[in-house]
């Protein structure tokens, strides 16, 4: 038991990218929800700040400051990165989403995007390969809430897209 604890402490104390300690898992959360009254919806994405910083730098060679309550100051770079790595289609039509807000939560950050889509969903196709270009073990957990139906699944390097059908 002591060996396992020591191994975990060693992993957590190792210095990673940019002198910051890495975390043991690479995971994000994507929540997609449509308002039951109209066709507007929300996409929420939770990621580790340092991972997103590294991914944006890798793509643009620009440093973004997501800490110090300045996550909204970089919304163009963040939105551009996600639009390159996150596509969502409802009934075969690409959703055009826009940045709504962000909230820092310790070492992670929640981004909210808003979209407008048809009210009646038959299918939702999602492709989410963000952060995978840097972290091959990245898992993006997807939760979809449409009317009374809910779907949850995981996207990884081996499977970056999935289509969900609704009744």
Protein backbone atom coordinates (compact mmCIF):
# COMPACT_ATOMS: atom_id res chain seq x y z
CA UNK A 1 0.00 0.00 0.00
CA UNK A 2 2.83 2.41 0.83
CA UNK A 3 4.45 1.74 -2.57
CA UNK A 4 1.23 2.70 -4.40
CA UNK A 5 0.87 5.91 -2.39
CA UNK A 6 4.52 6.79 -3.01
CA UNK A 7 4.12 6.14 -6.73
CA UNK A 8 1.08 8.47 -6.91
CA UNK A 9 2.91 11.19 -4.96
CA UNK A 10 5.81 10.83 -7.39
CA UNK A 11 3.50 11.16 -10.39
CA UNK A 12 1.73 14.19 -8.96
CA UNK A 13 4.94 15.97 -7.97
CA UNK A 14 6.75 15.47 -11.29
CA UNK A 15 7.22 18.71 -13.21
CA UNK A 16 5.40 18.84 -16.53
CA UNK A 17 4.96 21.33 -19.37
CA UNK A 18 5.99 24.92 -18.59
CA UNK A 19 7.18 23.91 -15.12
CA UNK A 20 3.66 23.10 -13.95
CA UNK A 21 2.87 19.72 -12.46
CA UNK A 22 0.85 17.44 -14.75
CA UNK A 23 -2.28 15.72 -13.59
CA UNK A 24 -2.74 11.97 -13.58
CA UNK A 25 -5.64 11.92 -16.03
CA UNK A 26 -6.52 13.89 -19.14
CA UNK A 27 -10.25 14.39 -19.24
CA UNK A 28 -12.76 17.06 -20.16
CA UNK A 29 -16.52 17.34 -19.97
CA UNK A 30 -18.83 18.53 -22.74
CA UNK A 31 -22.47 19.22 -21.90
CA UNK A 32 -24.91 19.97 -24.71
CA UNK A 33 -28.40 21.06 -23.76
CA UNK A 34 -31.28 22.48 -25.77
CA UNK A 35 -33.80 24.80 -24.18
CA UNK A 36 -37.17 23.03 -24.18
CA UNK A 37 -39.03 26.24 -25.07
CA UNK A 38 -37.14 27.31 -28.19
CA UNK A 39 -34.30 26.16 -30.41
CA UNK A 40 -31.52 27.87 -28.44
CA UNK A 41 -29.02 25.79 -26.55
CA UNK A 42 -25.88 25.79 -24.47
CA UNK A 43 -22.59 23.95 -24.85
CA UNK A 44 -20.51 23.77 -21.67
CA UNK A 45 -16.93 22.58 -21.80
CA UNK A 46 -14.76 21.97 -18.75
CA UNK A 47 -11.01 21.55 -19.30
CA UNK A 48 -7.82 21.85 -17.30
CA UNK A 49 -6.48 25.38 -17.83
CA UNK A 50 -2.85 24.38 -18.41
CA UNK A 51 -3.87 21.78 -21.02
CA UNK A 52 -5.90 24.31 -23.00
CA UNK A 53 -3.11 26.88 -22.70
CA UNK A 54 -0.63 24.36 -24.14
CA UNK A 55 -3.00 23.32 -26.94
CA UNK A 56 -3.67 26.91 -28.03
CA UNK A 57 0.05 27.67 -27.93
CA UNK A 58 0.73 24.53 -29.98
CA UNK A 59 -1.80 25.67 -32.61
CA UNK A 60 -1.11 29.42 -32.70
CA UNK A 61 2.29 30.02 -31.00
CA UNK A 62 0.43 32.56 -28.82
CA UNK A 63 0.34 32.44 -25.03
CA UNK A 64 -3.09 32.93 -23.51
CA UNK A 65 -3.66 33.96 -19.94
CA UNK A 66 -6.67 31.99 -18.78
CA UNK A 67 -6.03 32.62 -15.10
CA UNK A 68 -6.31 35.78 -13.03
CA UNK A 69 -9.95 36.32 -14.00
CA UNK A 70 -8.98 37.04 -17.60
CA UNK A 71 -10.50 34.03 -19.36
CA UNK A 72 -12.95 36.26 -21.24
CA UNK A 73 -10.08 38.40 -22.59
CA UNK A 74 -8.97 35.52 -24.81
CA UNK A 75 -12.36 34.41 -26.08
CA UNK A 76 -11.41 34.78 -29.76
CA UNK A 77 -8.42 32.41 -29.44
CA UNK A 78 -10.40 29.97 -27.28
CA UNK A 79 -13.40 29.99 -29.63
CA UNK A 80 -11.17 29.56 -32.67
CA UNK A 81 -9.38 26.60 -31.07
CA UNK A 82 -12.64 24.86 -30.16
CA UNK A 83 -14.18 25.51 -33.58
CA UNK A 84 -11.15 23.78 -35.12
CA UNK A 85 -11.53 20.78 -32.81
CA UNK A 86 -15.22 20.55 -31.88
CA UNK A 87 -17.97 20.25 -34.46
CA UNK A 88 -21.58 19.48 -33.73
CA UNK A 89 -24.26 18.77 -36.33
CA UNK A 90 -27.97 18.57 -35.66
CA UNK A 91 -29.92 16.72 -38.36
CA UNK A 92 -26.83 17.02 -40.57
CA UNK A 93 -26.50 20.81 -40.25
CA UNK A 94 -23.41 22.25 -38.55
CA UNK A 95 -24.12 24.24 -35.39
CA UNK A 96 -22.63 27.71 -35.30
CA UNK A 97 -21.85 28.37 -31.66
CA UNK A 98 -20.48 31.50 -30.03
CA UNK A 99 -18.69 32.24 -26.77
CA UNK A 100 -21.01 33.22 -23.96
CA UNK A 101 -18.89 33.13 -20.79
CA UNK A 102 -16.21 31.34 -18.82
CA UNK A 103 -15.65 30.58 -15.17
CA UNK A 104 -12.43 29.57 -13.47
CA UNK A 105 -12.78 26.67 -11.06
CA UNK A 106 -9.40 26.08 -9.34
CA UNK A 107 -7.17 24.46 -12.01
CA UNK A 108 -9.99 23.92 -14.47
CA UNK A 109 -12.18 26.26 -16.43
CA UNK A 110 -15.78 26.09 -17.68
CA UNK A 111 -16.59 27.67 -21.03
CA UNK A 112 -20.15 28.31 -22.14
CA UNK A 113 -21.13 28.67 -25.77
CA UNK A 114 -24.58 29.37 -27.13
CA UNK A 115 -26.19 28.09 -30.32
CA UNK A 116 -29.43 28.09 -32.24
CA UNK A 117 -30.66 24.92 -33.94
CA UNK A 118 -33.86 23.44 -35.28
CA UNK A 119 -36.29 22.64 -32.51
CA UNK A 120 -36.84 19.00 -33.53
CA UNK A 121 -33.64 16.92 -33.31
CA UNK A 122 -33.47 13.58 -35.12
CA UNK A 123 -29.69 13.16 -34.87
CA UNK A 124 -26.77 14.90 -33.23
CA UNK A 125 -23.28 14.18 -34.56
CA UNK A 126 -20.34 15.35 -32.52
CA UNK A 127 -16.64 15.32 -33.30
CA UNK A 128 -14.41 16.34 -30.40
CA UNK A 129 -10.68 15.88 -30.91
CA UNK A 130 -9.48 18.85 -28.86
CA UNK A 131 -6.45 18.30 -26.61
CA UNK A 132 -5.87 14.88 -28.20
CA UNK A 133 -3.13 16.34 -30.42
CA UNK A 134 -1.06 16.88 -27.25
CA UNK A 135 -2.41 14.24 -24.91
CA UNK A 136 -3.09 10.88 -26.62
CA UNK A 137 -4.84 9.53 -23.49
CA UNK A 138 -7.29 12.46 -23.44
CA UNK A 139 -10.93 11.48 -22.85
CA UNK A 140 -13.74 13.88 -23.66
CA UNK A 141 -16.89 12.90 -21.77
CA UNK A 142 -20.04 14.03 -23.59
CA UNK A 143 -23.43 14.55 -21.98
CA UNK A 144 -26.40 15.46 -24.19
CA UNK A 145 -29.78 16.57 -22.81
CA UNK A 146 -32.53 16.96 -25.41
CA UNK A 147 -36.11 17.20 -24.19
CA UNK A 148 -36.54 14.22 -21.82
CA UNK A 149 -33.74 12.20 -23.44
CA UNK A 150 -30.21 12.01 -22.12
CA UNK A 151 -27.14 10.42 -23.61
CA UNK A 152 -23.65 10.11 -22.20
CA UNK A 153 -20.50 8.65 -23.77
CA UNK A 154 -16.73 9.08 -24.05
CA UNK A 155 -14.69 10.20 -27.06
CA UNK A 156 -11.00 9.31 -27.29
CA UNK A 157 -8.15 9.25 -29.79
CA UNK A 158 -9.50 5.96 -31.13
CA UNK A 159 -13.05 7.33 -31.50
CA UNK A 160 -13.33 11.10 -31.82
CA UNK A 161 -16.88 11.23 -33.16
CA UNK A 162 -20.28 9.74 -32.51
CA UNK A 163 -23.83 10.14 -33.77
CA UNK A 164 -26.79 9.99 -31.40
CA UNK A 165 -30.37 9.42 -32.61
CA UNK A 166 -33.45 10.78 -30.87
CA UNK A 167 -37.01 9.42 -30.93
